[in-house]
Structure formats: C-alpha cells, structure tokens
Amino acid sequence: MTINTRSRFDRILIGWIIGTLVPLIIFLITYMVKYGKLDFVVFLKDLWQMKMLLKLMSLCVYANLGLFFLFYRLKYDMAARGVIMATFMYAFLVLVAKLI
C-alpha cells in the first residue's frame, strides 16, 4: 500500500462516517431479515413503545468495536479515532434519549 493511499483513508472523518453508518446498516439488515414484511415506520414505533429501540441500536454499535480493531491493526490511527468518536456519539444519543 502506498503512502498516498494510507494518508487518504487514515482520516478522522472517514472513520467517523464509517463508524456512524455501519450500526445503521446493521440495524436495517436486522429489520429486513427479521421483520421485512412489517412497515419500517410501524417497526420503529413498536420498538419505541416496547422500549427496545435504544437497546437494539446499542447492540448494533458493537460492530464499531470490530471496525476500531481493524483500523488499529492496519495502523489507521486517525480513522480508528473517528470510529471511537462515532461510538461516543451513539452513547451520548442513547443517554439523552433515556433521559427524555
């Protein structure tokens, strides 16, 4: 891998975007595989009423752990920091939602 490729992908913004999108993609895959016949808005309302939405989203964020270790292993330290930032963003959102 060349130095230019490494510097292009080793950015906090890249890690933050990936760390933000991966849990959402996992959430959508969970919906499509398990509850695909149900309307998405109804699915979200049901999860919110059962107080399961935040729990499911918290579980989806665990994928960021794998991303962090992947970036760390590849020596993409700045991208790994971005993934950590996205993880803390999700933690903050869950905390705020629980206080509401």
PDB file of N, CA and C in Angstrom:
ATOM      1  N   MET A   1       0.849  -1.165   0.000  1.00  0.00           N
ATOM      2  CA  MET A   1       0.000   0.000   0.000  1.00  0.00           C
ATOM      3  C   MET A   1       0.897   1.231   0.000  1.00  0.00           C
ATOM      4  N   THR A   2       0.584   2.165  -0.840  1.00  0.00           N
ATOM      5  CA  THR A   2       1.425   3.347  -0.932  1.00  0.00           C
ATOM      6  C   THR A   2       1.100   4.336   0.176  1.00  0.00           C
ATOM      7  N   ILE A   3       1.987   5.273   0.340  1.00  0.00           N
ATOM      8  CA  ILE A   3       1.807   6.301   1.366  1.00  0.00           C
ATOM      9  C   ILE A   3       0.580   7.154   1.055  1.00  0.00           C
ATOM     10  N   ASN A   4       0.335   7.463  -0.216  1.00  0.00           N
ATOM     11  CA  ASN A   4      -0.814   8.300  -0.583  1.00  0.00           C
ATOM     12  C   ASN A   4      -2.128   7.625  -0.254  1.00  0.00           C
ATOM     13  N   THR A   5      -2.235   6.337  -0.511  1.00  0.00           N
ATOM     14  CA  THR A   5      -3.467   5.616  -0.191  1.00  0.00           C
ATOM     15  C   THR A   5      -3.681   5.586   1.312  1.00  0.00           C
ATOM     16  N   ARG A   6      -2.631   5.364   2.054  1.00  0.00           N
ATOM     17  CA  ARG A   6      -2.740   5.318   3.511  1.00  0.00           C
ATOM     18  C   ARG A   6      -3.205   6.669   4.042  1.00  0.00           C
ATOM     19  N   SER A   7      -2.616   7.742   3.595  1.00  0.00           N
ATOM     20  CA  SER A   7      -2.978   9.055   4.123  1.00  0.00           C
ATOM     21  C   SER A   7      -4.389   9.455   3.683  1.00  0.00           C
ATOM     22  N   ARG A   8      -4.832   8.958   2.542  1.00  0.00           N
ATOM     23  CA  ARG A   8      -6.172   9.308   2.068  1.00  0.00           C
ATOM     24  C   ARG A   8      -7.252   8.659   2.925  1.00  0.00           C
ATOM     25  N   PHE A   9      -7.050   7.446   3.392  1.00  0.00           N
ATOM     26  CA  PHE A   9      -8.055   6.747   4.188  1.00  0.00           C
ATOM     27  C   PHE A   9      -7.845   6.890   5.683  1.00  0.00           C
ATOM     28  N   ASP A  10      -6.678   7.309   6.099  1.00  0.00           N
ATOM     29  CA  ASP A  10      -6.391   7.450   7.523  1.00  0.00           C
ATOM     30  C   ASP A  10      -6.769   8.855   7.987  1.00  0.00           C
ATOM     31  N   ARG A  11      -8.071   9.098   8.030  1.00  0.00           N
ATOM     32  CA  ARG A  11      -8.591  10.405   8.441  1.00  0.00           C
ATOM     33  C   ARG A  11      -9.703  10.197   9.461  1.00  0.00           C
ATOM     34  N   ILE A  12      -9.812  11.138  10.377  1.00  0.00           N
ATOM     35  CA  ILE A  12     -10.854  11.054  11.398  1.00  0.00           C
ATOM     36  C   ILE A  12     -12.241  11.059  10.755  1.00  0.00           C
ATOM     37  N   LEU A  13     -12.439  11.887   9.741  1.00  0.00           N
ATOM     38  CA  LEU A  13     -13.752  11.979   9.091  1.00  0.00           C
ATOM     39  C   LEU A  13     -14.161  10.650   8.457  1.00  0.00           C
ATOM     40  N   ILE A  14     -13.221   9.974   7.826  1.00  0.00           N
ATOM     41  CA  ILE A  14     -13.518   8.670   7.213  1.00  0.00           C
ATOM     42  C   ILE A  14     -13.941   7.684   8.295  1.00  0.00           C
ATOM     43  N   GLY A  15     -13.209   7.631   9.394  1.00  0.00           N
ATOM     44  CA  GLY A  15     -13.560   6.730  10.496  1.00  0.00           C
ATOM     45  C   GLY A  15     -14.901   7.083  11.109  1.00  0.00           C
ATOM     46  N   TRP A  16     -15.184   8.391  11.245  1.00  0.00           N
ATOM     47  CA  TRP A  16     -16.453   8.820  11.830  1.00  0.00           C
ATOM     48  C   TRP A  16     -17.620   8.444  10.923  1.00  0.00           C
ATOM     49  N   ILE A  17     -17.469   8.652   9.632  1.00  0.00           N
ATOM     50  CA  ILE A  17     -18.549   8.308   8.691  1.00  0.00           C
ATOM     51  C   ILE A  17     -18.802   6.812   8.704  1.00  0.00           C
ATOM     52  N   ILE A  18     -17.741   6.022   8.627  1.00  0.00           N
ATOM     53  CA  ILE A  18     -17.902   4.562   8.641  1.00  0.00           C
ATOM     54  C   ILE A  18     -18.476   4.100   9.978  1.00  0.00           C
ATOM     55  N   GLY A  19     -17.975   4.669  11.076  1.00  0.00           N
ATOM     56  CA  GLY A  19     -18.466   4.305  12.403  1.00  0.00           C
ATOM     57  C   GLY A  19     -19.909   4.727  12.642  1.00  0.00           C
ATOM     58  N   THR A  20     -20.376   5.716  11.920  1.00  0.00           N
ATOM     59  CA  THR A  20     -21.768   6.140  12.027  1.00  0.00           C
ATOM     60  C   THR A  20     -22.679   5.290  11.150  1.00  0.00           C
ATOM     61  N   LEU A  21     -22.217   4.938   9.966  1.00  0.00           N
ATOM     62  CA  LEU A  21     -23.064   4.217   9.014  1.00  0.00           C
ATOM     63  C   LEU A  21     -23.188   2.721   9.303  1.00  0.00           C
ATOM     64  N   VAL A  22     -22.137   2.096   9.767  1.00  0.00           N
ATOM     65  CA  VAL A  22     -22.167   0.642   9.972  1.00  0.00           C
ATOM     66  C   VAL A  22     -23.254   0.210  10.964  1.00  0.00           C
ATOM     67  N   PRO A  23     -23.411   0.857  12.135  1.00  0.00           N
ATOM     68  CA  PRO A  23     -24.515   0.447  13.018  1.00  0.00           C
ATOM     69  C   PRO A  23     -25.902   0.645  12.377  1.00  0.00           C
ATOM     70  N   LEU A  24     -26.045   1.705  11.587  1.00  0.00           N
ATOM     71  CA  LEU A  24     -27.326   1.920  10.902  1.00  0.00           C
ATOM     72  C   LEU A  24     -27.587   0.838   9.861  1.00  0.00           C
ATOM     73  N   ILE A  25     -26.552   0.453   9.153  1.00  0.00           N
ATOM     74  CA  ILE A  25     -26.693  -0.616   8.151  1.00  0.00           C
ATOM     75  C   ILE A  25     -27.040  -1.933   8.836  1.00  0.00           C
ATOM     76  N   ILE A  26     -26.405  -2.224   9.952  1.00  0.00           N
ATOM     77  CA  ILE A  26     -26.718  -3.451  10.690  1.00  0.00           C
ATOM     78  C   ILE A  26     -28.149  -3.416  11.204  1.00  0.00           C
ATOM     79  N   PHE A  27     -28.594  -2.246  11.665  1.00  0.00           N
ATOM     80  CA  PHE A  27     -29.978  -2.086  12.109  1.00  0.00           C
ATOM     81  C   PHE A  27     -30.943  -2.370  10.956  1.00  0.00           C
ATOM     82  N   LEU A  28     -30.653  -1.825   9.773  1.00  0.00           N
ATOM     83  CA  LEU A  28     -31.516  -2.058   8.608  1.00  0.00           C
ATOM     84  C   LEU A  28     -31.493  -3.518   8.170  1.00  0.00           C
ATOM     85  N   ILE A  29     -30.346  -4.155   8.231  1.00  0.00           N
ATOM     86  CA  ILE A  29     -30.262  -5.578   7.879  1.00  0.00           C
ATOM     87  C   ILE A  29     -31.079  -6.408   8.861  1.00  0.00           C
ATOM     88  N   THR A  30     -30.997  -6.064  10.145  1.00  0.00           N
ATOM     89  CA  THR A  30     -31.796  -6.761  11.158  1.00  0.00           C
ATOM     90  C   THR A  30     -33.277  -6.621  10.853  1.00  0.00           C
ATOM     91  N   TYR A  31     -33.680  -5.410  10.510  1.00  0.00           N
ATOM     92  CA  TYR A  31     -35.087  -5.173  10.154  1.00  0.00           C
ATOM     93  C   TYR A  31     -35.491  -5.998   8.937  1.00  0.00           C
ATOM     94  N   MET A  32     -34.674  -5.958   7.891  1.00  0.00           N
ATOM     95  CA  MET A  32     -35.038  -6.635   6.642  1.00  0.00           C
ATOM     96  C   MET A  32     -35.081  -8.152   6.798  1.00  0.00           C
ATOM     97  N   VAL A  33     -34.154  -8.707   7.567  1.00  0.00           N
ATOM     98  CA  VAL A  33     -34.093 -10.159   7.724  1.00  0.00           C
ATOM     99  C   VAL A  33     -35.215 -10.663   8.629  1.00  0.00           C
ATOM    100  N   LYS A  34     -35.443  -9.984   9.731  1.00  0.00           N
ATOM    101  CA  LYS A  34     -36.373 -10.489  10.734  1.00  0.00           C
ATOM    102  C   LYS A  34     -37.797  -9.953  10.560  1.00  0.00           C
ATOM    103  N   TYR A  35     -37.931  -8.665  10.204  1.00  0.00           N
ATOM    104  CA  TYR A  35     -39.247  -8.022  10.188  1.00  0.00           C
ATOM    105  C   TYR A  35     -39.528  -7.343   8.854  1.00  0.00           C
ATOM    106  N   GLY A  36     -39.017  -7.850   7.777  1.00  0.00           N
ATOM    107  CA  GLY A  36     -39.135  -7.234   6.466  1.00  0.00           C
ATOM    108  C   GLY A  36     -40.560  -7.046   5.977  1.00  0.00           C
ATOM    109  N   LYS A  37     -41.481  -7.864   6.447  1.00  0.00           N
ATOM    110  CA  LYS A  37     -42.869  -7.757   5.999  1.00  0.00           C
ATOM    111  C   LYS A  37     -43.598  -6.603   6.675  1.00  0.00           C
ATOM    112  N   LEU A  38     -43.075  -6.149   7.799  1.00  0.00           N
ATOM    113  CA  LEU A  38     -43.685  -5.067   8.562  1.00  0.00           C
ATOM    114  C   LEU A  38     -43.195  -3.728   8.012  1.00  0.00           C
ATOM    115  N   ASP A  39     -44.082  -2.731   7.966  1.00  0.00           N
ATOM    116  CA  ASP A  39     -43.695  -1.400   7.521  1.00  0.00           C
ATOM    117  C   ASP A  39     -42.624  -0.842   8.462  1.00  0.00           C
ATOM    118  N   PHE A  40     -41.628  -0.144   7.902  1.00  0.00           N
ATOM    119  CA  PHE A  40     -40.494   0.322   8.697  1.00  0.00           C
ATOM    120  C   PHE A  40     -40.922   1.304   9.782  1.00  0.00           C
ATOM    121  N   VAL A  41     -41.841   2.202   9.471  1.00  0.00           N
ATOM    122  CA  VAL A  41     -42.302   3.182  10.459  1.00  0.00           C
ATOM    123  C   VAL A  41     -43.042   2.481  11.595  1.00  0.00           C
ATOM    124  N   VAL A  42     -43.854   1.496  11.265  1.00  0.00           N
ATOM    125  CA  VAL A  42     -44.560   0.716  12.283  1.00  0.00           C
ATOM    126  C   VAL A  42     -43.552  -0.048  13.136  1.00  0.00           C
ATOM    127  N   PHE A  43     -42.528  -0.588  12.495  1.00  0.00           N
ATOM    128  CA  PHE A  43     -41.474  -1.302  13.202  1.00  0.00           C
ATOM    129  C   PHE A  43     -40.791  -0.383  14.216  1.00  0.00           C
ATOM    130  N   LEU A  44     -40.457   0.840  13.797  1.00  0.00           N
ATOM    131  CA  LEU A  44     -39.813   1.788  14.706  1.00  0.00           C
ATOM    132  C   LEU A  44     -40.737   2.186  15.847  1.00  0.00           C
ATOM    133  N   LYS A  45     -42.016   2.417  15.544  1.00  0.00           N
ATOM    134  CA  LYS A  45     -42.975   2.785  16.595  1.00  0.00           C
ATOM    135  C   LYS A  45     -43.135   1.658  17.605  1.00  0.00           C
ATOM    136  N   ASP A  46     -43.236   0.435  17.111  1.00  0.00           N
ATOM    137  CA  ASP A  46     -43.368  -0.714  18.010  1.00  0.00           C
ATOM    138  C   ASP A  46     -42.137  -0.870  18.906  1.00  0.00           C
ATOM    139  N   LEU A  47     -40.959  -0.717  18.309  1.00  0.00           N
ATOM    140  CA  LEU A  47     -39.739  -0.809  19.111  1.00  0.00           C
ATOM    141  C   LEU A  47     -39.687   0.286  20.159  1.00  0.00           C
ATOM    142  N   TRP A  48     -40.108   1.489  19.800  1.00  0.00           N
ATOM    143  CA  TRP A  48     -40.087   2.598  20.758  1.00  0.00           C
ATOM    144  C   TRP A  48     -41.074   2.357  21.897  1.00  0.00           C
ATOM    145  N   GLN A  49     -42.270   1.861  21.563  1.00  0.00           N
ATOM    146  CA  GLN A  49     -43.285   1.609  22.586  1.00  0.00           C
ATOM    147  C   GLN A  49     -42.867   0.486  23.533  1.00  0.00           C
ATOM    148  N   MET A  50     -42.172  -0.495  23.002  1.00  0.00           N
ATOM    149  CA  MET A  50     -41.696  -1.601  23.842  1.00  0.00           C
ATOM    150  C   MET A  50     -40.384  -1.266  24.544  1.00  0.00           C
ATOM    151  N   LYS A  51     -39.877  -0.057  24.316  1.00  0.00           N
ATOM    152  CA  LYS A  51     -38.611   0.400  24.885  1.00  0.00           C
ATOM    153  C   LYS A  51     -37.448  -0.506  24.466  1.00  0.00           C
ATOM    154  N   MET A  52     -37.486  -0.913  23.212  1.00  0.00           N
ATOM    155  CA  MET A  52     -36.453  -1.791  22.687  1.00  0.00           C
ATOM    156  C   MET A  52     -35.577  -1.104  21.635  1.00  0.00           C
ATOM    157  N   LEU A  53     -35.995   0.062  21.155  1.00  0.00           N
ATOM    158  CA  LEU A  53     -35.254   0.728  20.082  1.00  0.00           C
ATOM    159  C   LEU A  53     -33.836   1.072  20.522  1.00  0.00           C
ATOM    160  N   LEU A  54     -33.698   1.659  21.684  1.00  0.00           N
ATOM    161  CA  LEU A  54     -32.373   2.043  22.163  1.00  0.00           C
ATOM    162  C   LEU A  54     -31.497   0.824  22.456  1.00  0.00           C
ATOM    163  N   LYS A  55     -32.119  -0.228  22.924  1.00  0.00           N
ATOM    164  CA  LYS A  55     -31.360  -1.449  23.215  1.00  0.00           C
ATOM    165  C   LYS A  55     -30.835  -2.081  21.929  1.00  0.00           C
ATOM    166  N   LEU A  56     -31.690  -2.116  20.899  1.00  0.00           N
ATOM    167  CA  LEU A  56     -31.267  -2.686  19.622  1.00  0.00           C
ATOM    168  C   LEU A  56     -30.184  -1.830  18.970  1.00  0.00           C
ATOM    169  N   MET A  57     -30.349  -0.516  19.034  1.00  0.00           N
ATOM    170  CA  MET A  57     -29.322   0.361  18.467  1.00  0.00           C
ATOM    171  C   MET A  57     -27.998   0.215  19.226  1.00  0.00           C
ATOM    172  N   SER A  58     -28.080   0.048  20.535  1.00  0.00           N
ATOM    173  CA  SER A  58     -26.863  -0.140  21.326  1.00  0.00           C
ATOM    174  C   SER A  58     -26.145  -1.424  20.927  1.00  0.00           C
ATOM    175  N   LEU A  59     -26.901  -2.459  20.626  1.00  0.00           N
ATOM    176  CA  LEU A  59     -26.291  -3.711  20.174  1.00  0.00           C
ATOM    177  C   LEU A  59     -25.653  -3.558  18.801  1.00  0.00           C
ATOM    178  N   CYS A  60     -26.272  -2.767  17.942  1.00  0.00           N
ATOM    179  CA  CYS A  60     -25.723  -2.559  16.598  1.00  0.00           C
ATOM    180  C   CYS A  60     -24.390  -1.812  16.641  1.00  0.00           C
ATOM    181  N   VAL A  61     -24.182  -1.017  17.664  1.00  0.00           N
ATOM    182  CA  VAL A  61     -22.942  -0.242  17.780  1.00  0.00           C
ATOM    183  C   VAL A  61     -21.751  -1.141  18.102  1.00  0.00           C
ATOM    184  N   TYR A  62     -21.991  -2.349  18.576  1.00  0.00           N
ATOM    185  CA  TYR A  62     -20.887  -3.264  18.867  1.00  0.00           C
ATOM    186  C   TYR A  62     -20.040  -3.562  17.634  1.00  0.00           C
ATOM    187  N   ALA A  63     -20.601  -3.397  16.451  1.00  0.00           N
ATOM    188  CA  ALA A  63     -19.821  -3.606  15.223  1.00  0.00           C
ATOM    189  C   ALA A  63     -18.669  -2.615  15.137  1.00  0.00           C
ATOM    190  N   ASN A  64     -18.819  -1.464  15.777  1.00  0.00           N
ATOM    191  CA  ASN A  64     -17.743  -0.475  15.764  1.00  0.00           C
ATOM    192  C   ASN A  64     -16.497  -0.988  16.471  1.00  0.00           C
ATOM    193  N   LEU A  65     -16.663  -1.905  17.391  1.00  0.00           N
ATOM    194  CA  LEU A  65     -15.507  -2.496  18.055  1.00  0.00           C
ATOM    195  C   LEU A  65     -14.633  -3.226  17.039  1.00  0.00           C
ATOM    196  N   GLY A  66     -15.271  -3.988  16.174  1.00  0.00           N
ATOM    197  CA  GLY A  66     -14.533  -4.669  15.116  1.00  0.00           C
ATOM    198  C   GLY A  66     -13.875  -3.698  14.153  1.00  0.00           C
ATOM    199  N   LEU A  67     -14.595  -2.626  13.816  1.00  0.00           N
ATOM    200  CA  LEU A  67     -14.013  -1.605  12.944  1.00  0.00           C
ATOM    201  C   LEU A  67     -12.800  -0.943  13.587  1.00  0.00           C
ATOM    202  N   PHE A  68     -12.938  -0.629  14.870  1.00  0.00           N
ATOM    203  CA  PHE A  68     -11.827   0.000  15.577  1.00  0.00           C
ATOM    204  C   PHE A  68     -10.589  -0.884  15.531  1.00  0.00           C
ATOM    205  N   PHE A  69     -10.747  -2.166  15.842  1.00  0.00           N
ATOM    206  CA  PHE A  69      -9.595  -3.058  15.847  1.00  0.00           C
ATOM    207  C   PHE A  69      -9.032  -3.264  14.440  1.00  0.00           C
ATOM    208  N   LEU A  70      -9.894  -3.257  13.434  1.00  0.00           N
ATOM    209  CA  LEU A  70      -9.421  -3.364  12.054  1.00  0.00           C
ATOM    210  C   LEU A  70      -8.560  -2.155  11.687  1.00  0.00           C
ATOM    211  N   PHE A  71      -9.063  -0.955  11.959  1.00  0.00           N
ATOM    212  CA  PHE A  71      -8.284   0.243  11.658  1.00  0.00           C
ATOM    213  C   PHE A  71      -6.999   0.299  12.484  1.00  0.00           C
ATOM    214  N   TYR A  72      -7.096  -0.109  13.727  1.00  0.00           N
ATOM    215  CA  TYR A  72      -5.909  -0.108  14.591  1.00  0.00           C
ATOM    216  C   TYR A  72      -4.861  -1.086  14.063  1.00  0.00           C
ATOM    217  N   ARG A  73      -5.317  -2.246  13.627  1.00  0.00           N
ATOM    218  CA  ARG A  73      -4.412  -3.271  13.096  1.00  0.00           C
ATOM    219  C   ARG A  73      -3.736  -2.808  11.808  1.00  0.00           C
ATOM    220  N   LEU A  74      -4.492  -2.060  10.985  1.00  0.00           N
ATOM    221  CA  LEU A  74      -3.947  -1.537   9.731  1.00  0.00           C
ATOM    222  C   LEU A  74      -3.107  -0.278   9.946  1.00  0.00           C
ATOM    223  N   LYS A  75      -2.985   0.133  11.196  1.00  0.00           N
ATOM    224  CA  LYS A  75      -2.259   1.343  11.578  1.00  0.00           C
ATOM    225  C   LYS A  75      -2.919   2.605  11.025  1.00  0.00           C
ATOM    226  N   TYR A  76      -4.233   2.590  10.912  1.00  0.00           N
ATOM    227  CA  TYR A  76      -5.008   3.773  10.548  1.00  0.00           C
ATOM    228  C   TYR A  76      -5.493   4.415  11.847  1.00  0.00           C
ATOM    229  N   ASP A  77      -4.574   5.007  12.564  1.00  0.00           N
ATOM    230  CA  ASP A  77      -4.887   5.517  13.895  1.00  0.00           C
ATOM    231  C   ASP A  77      -5.925   6.635  13.868  1.00  0.00           C
ATOM    232  N   MET A  78      -5.853   7.506  12.885  1.00  0.00           N
ATOM    233  CA  MET A  78      -6.823   8.608  12.812  1.00  0.00           C
ATOM    234  C   MET A  78      -8.220   8.074  12.485  1.00  0.00           C
ATOM    235  N   ALA A  79      -8.323   7.105  11.599  1.00  0.00           N
ATOM    236  CA  ALA A  79      -9.627   6.512  11.286  1.00  0.00           C
ATOM    237  C   ALA A  79     -10.182   5.779  12.500  1.00  0.00           C
ATOM    238  N   ALA A  80      -9.311   5.131  13.259  1.00  0.00           N
ATOM    239  CA  ALA A  80      -9.750   4.452  14.491  1.00  0.00           C
ATOM    240  C   ALA A  80     -10.300   5.468  15.484  1.00  0.00           C
ATOM    241  N   ARG A  81      -9.677   6.633  15.553  1.00  0.00           N
ATOM    242  CA  ARG A  81     -10.200   7.692  16.419  1.00  0.00           C
ATOM    243  C   ARG A  81     -11.580   8.151  15.968  1.00  0.00           C
ATOM    244  N   GLY A  82     -11.779   8.214  14.668  1.00  0.00           N
ATOM    245  CA  GLY A  82     -13.089   8.589  14.140  1.00  0.00           C
ATOM    246  C   GLY A  82     -14.166   7.587  14.515  1.00  0.00           C
ATOM    247  N   VAL A  83     -13.822   6.306  14.488  1.00  0.00           N
ATOM    248  CA  VAL A  83     -14.774   5.261  14.889  1.00  0.00           C
ATOM    249  C   VAL A  83     -15.118   5.418  16.365  1.00  0.00           C
ATOM    250  N   ILE A  84     -14.123   5.710  17.186  1.00  0.00           N
ATOM    251  CA  ILE A  84     -14.377   5.929  18.617  1.00  0.00           C
ATOM    252  C   ILE A  84     -15.281   7.142  18.808  1.00  0.00           C
ATOM    253  N   MET A  85     -15.057   8.198  18.030  1.00  0.00           N
ATOM    254  CA  MET A  85     -15.911   9.385  18.124  1.00  0.00           C
ATOM    255  C   MET A  85     -17.354   9.048  17.773  1.00  0.00           C
ATOM    256  N   ALA A  86     -17.558   8.249  16.725  1.00  0.00           N
ATOM    257  CA  ALA A  86     -18.911   7.853  16.341  1.00  0.00           C
ATOM    258  C   ALA A  86     -19.557   7.001  17.426  1.00  0.00           C
ATOM    259  N   THR A  87     -18.774   6.144  18.057  1.00  0.00           N
ATOM    260  CA  THR A  87     -19.292   5.308  19.135  1.00  0.00           C
ATOM    261  C   THR A  87     -19.726   6.160  20.322  1.00  0.00           C
ATOM    262  N   PHE A  88     -18.912   7.145  20.671  1.00  0.00           N
ATOM    263  CA  PHE A  88     -19.289   8.048  21.754  1.00  0.00           C
ATOM    264  C   PHE A  88     -20.512   8.885  21.383  1.00  0.00           C
ATOM    265  N   MET A  89     -20.648   9.239  20.105  1.00  0.00           N
ATOM    266  CA  MET A  89     -21.832   9.964  19.656  1.00  0.00           C
ATOM    267  C   MET A  89     -23.090   9.125  19.890  1.00  0.00           C
ATOM    268  N   TYR A  90     -23.025   7.844  19.527  1.00  0.00           N
ATOM    269  CA  TYR A  90     -24.165   6.957  19.766  1.00  0.00           C
ATOM    270  C   TYR A  90     -24.444   6.826  21.262  1.00  0.00           C
ATOM    271  N   ALA A  91     -23.390   6.711  22.062  1.00  0.00           N
ATOM    272  CA  ALA A  91     -23.582   6.601  23.511  1.00  0.00           C
ATOM    273  C   ALA A  91     -24.247   7.851  24.065  1.00  0.00           C
ATOM    274  N   PHE A  92     -23.848   9.013  23.588  1.00  0.00           N
ATOM    275  CA  PHE A  92     -24.451  10.263  24.023  1.00  0.00           C
ATOM    276  C   PHE A  92     -25.921  10.338  23.604  1.00  0.00           C
ATOM    277  N   LEU A  93     -26.231   9.915  22.376  1.00  0.00           N
ATOM    278  CA  LEU A  93     -27.618   9.924  21.914  1.00  0.00           C
ATOM    279  C   LEU A  93     -28.489   8.988  22.728  1.00  0.00           C
ATOM    280  N   VAL A  94     -27.974   7.824  23.073  1.00  0.00           N
ATOM    281  CA  VAL A  94     -28.731   6.878  23.917  1.00  0.00           C
ATOM    282  C   VAL A  94     -28.948   7.466  25.297  1.00  0.00           C
ATOM    283  N   LEU A  95     -27.924   8.104  25.843  1.00  0.00           N
ATOM    284  CA  LEU A  95     -28.058   8.723  27.157  1.00  0.00           C
ATOM    285  C   LEU A  95     -29.124   9.828  27.148  1.00  0.00           C
ATOM    286  N   VAL A  96     -29.106  10.668  26.141  1.00  0.00           N
ATOM    287  CA  VAL A  96     -30.095  11.746  26.027  1.00  0.00           C
ATOM    288  C   VAL A  96     -31.481  11.166  25.844  1.00  0.00           C
ATOM    289  N   ALA A  97     -31.611  10.134  25.007  1.00  0.00           N
ATOM    290  CA  ALA A  97     -32.933   9.522  24.782  1.00  0.00           C
ATOM    291  C   ALA A  97     -33.471   8.863  26.039  1.00  0.00           C
ATOM    292  N   LYS A  98     -32.604   8.301  26.841  1.00  0.00           N
ATOM    293  CA  LYS A  98     -33.069   7.677  28.094  1.00  0.00           C
ATOM    294  C   LYS A  98     -33.519   8.721  29.109  1.00  0.00           C
ATOM    295  N   LEU A  99     -32.933   9.903  29.062  1.00  0.00           N
ATOM    296  CA  LEU A  99     -33.311  10.961  29.982  1.00  0.00           C
ATOM    297  C   LEU A  99     -34.628  11.638  29.587  1.00  0.00           C
ATOM    298  N   ILE A 100     -35.005  11.501  28.340  1.00  0.00           N
ATOM    299  CA  ILE A 100     -36.260  12.131  27.857  1.00  0.00           C
ATOM    300  C   ILE A 100     -37.462  11.366  28.361  1.00  0.00           C
TER     301      ILE A 100
END
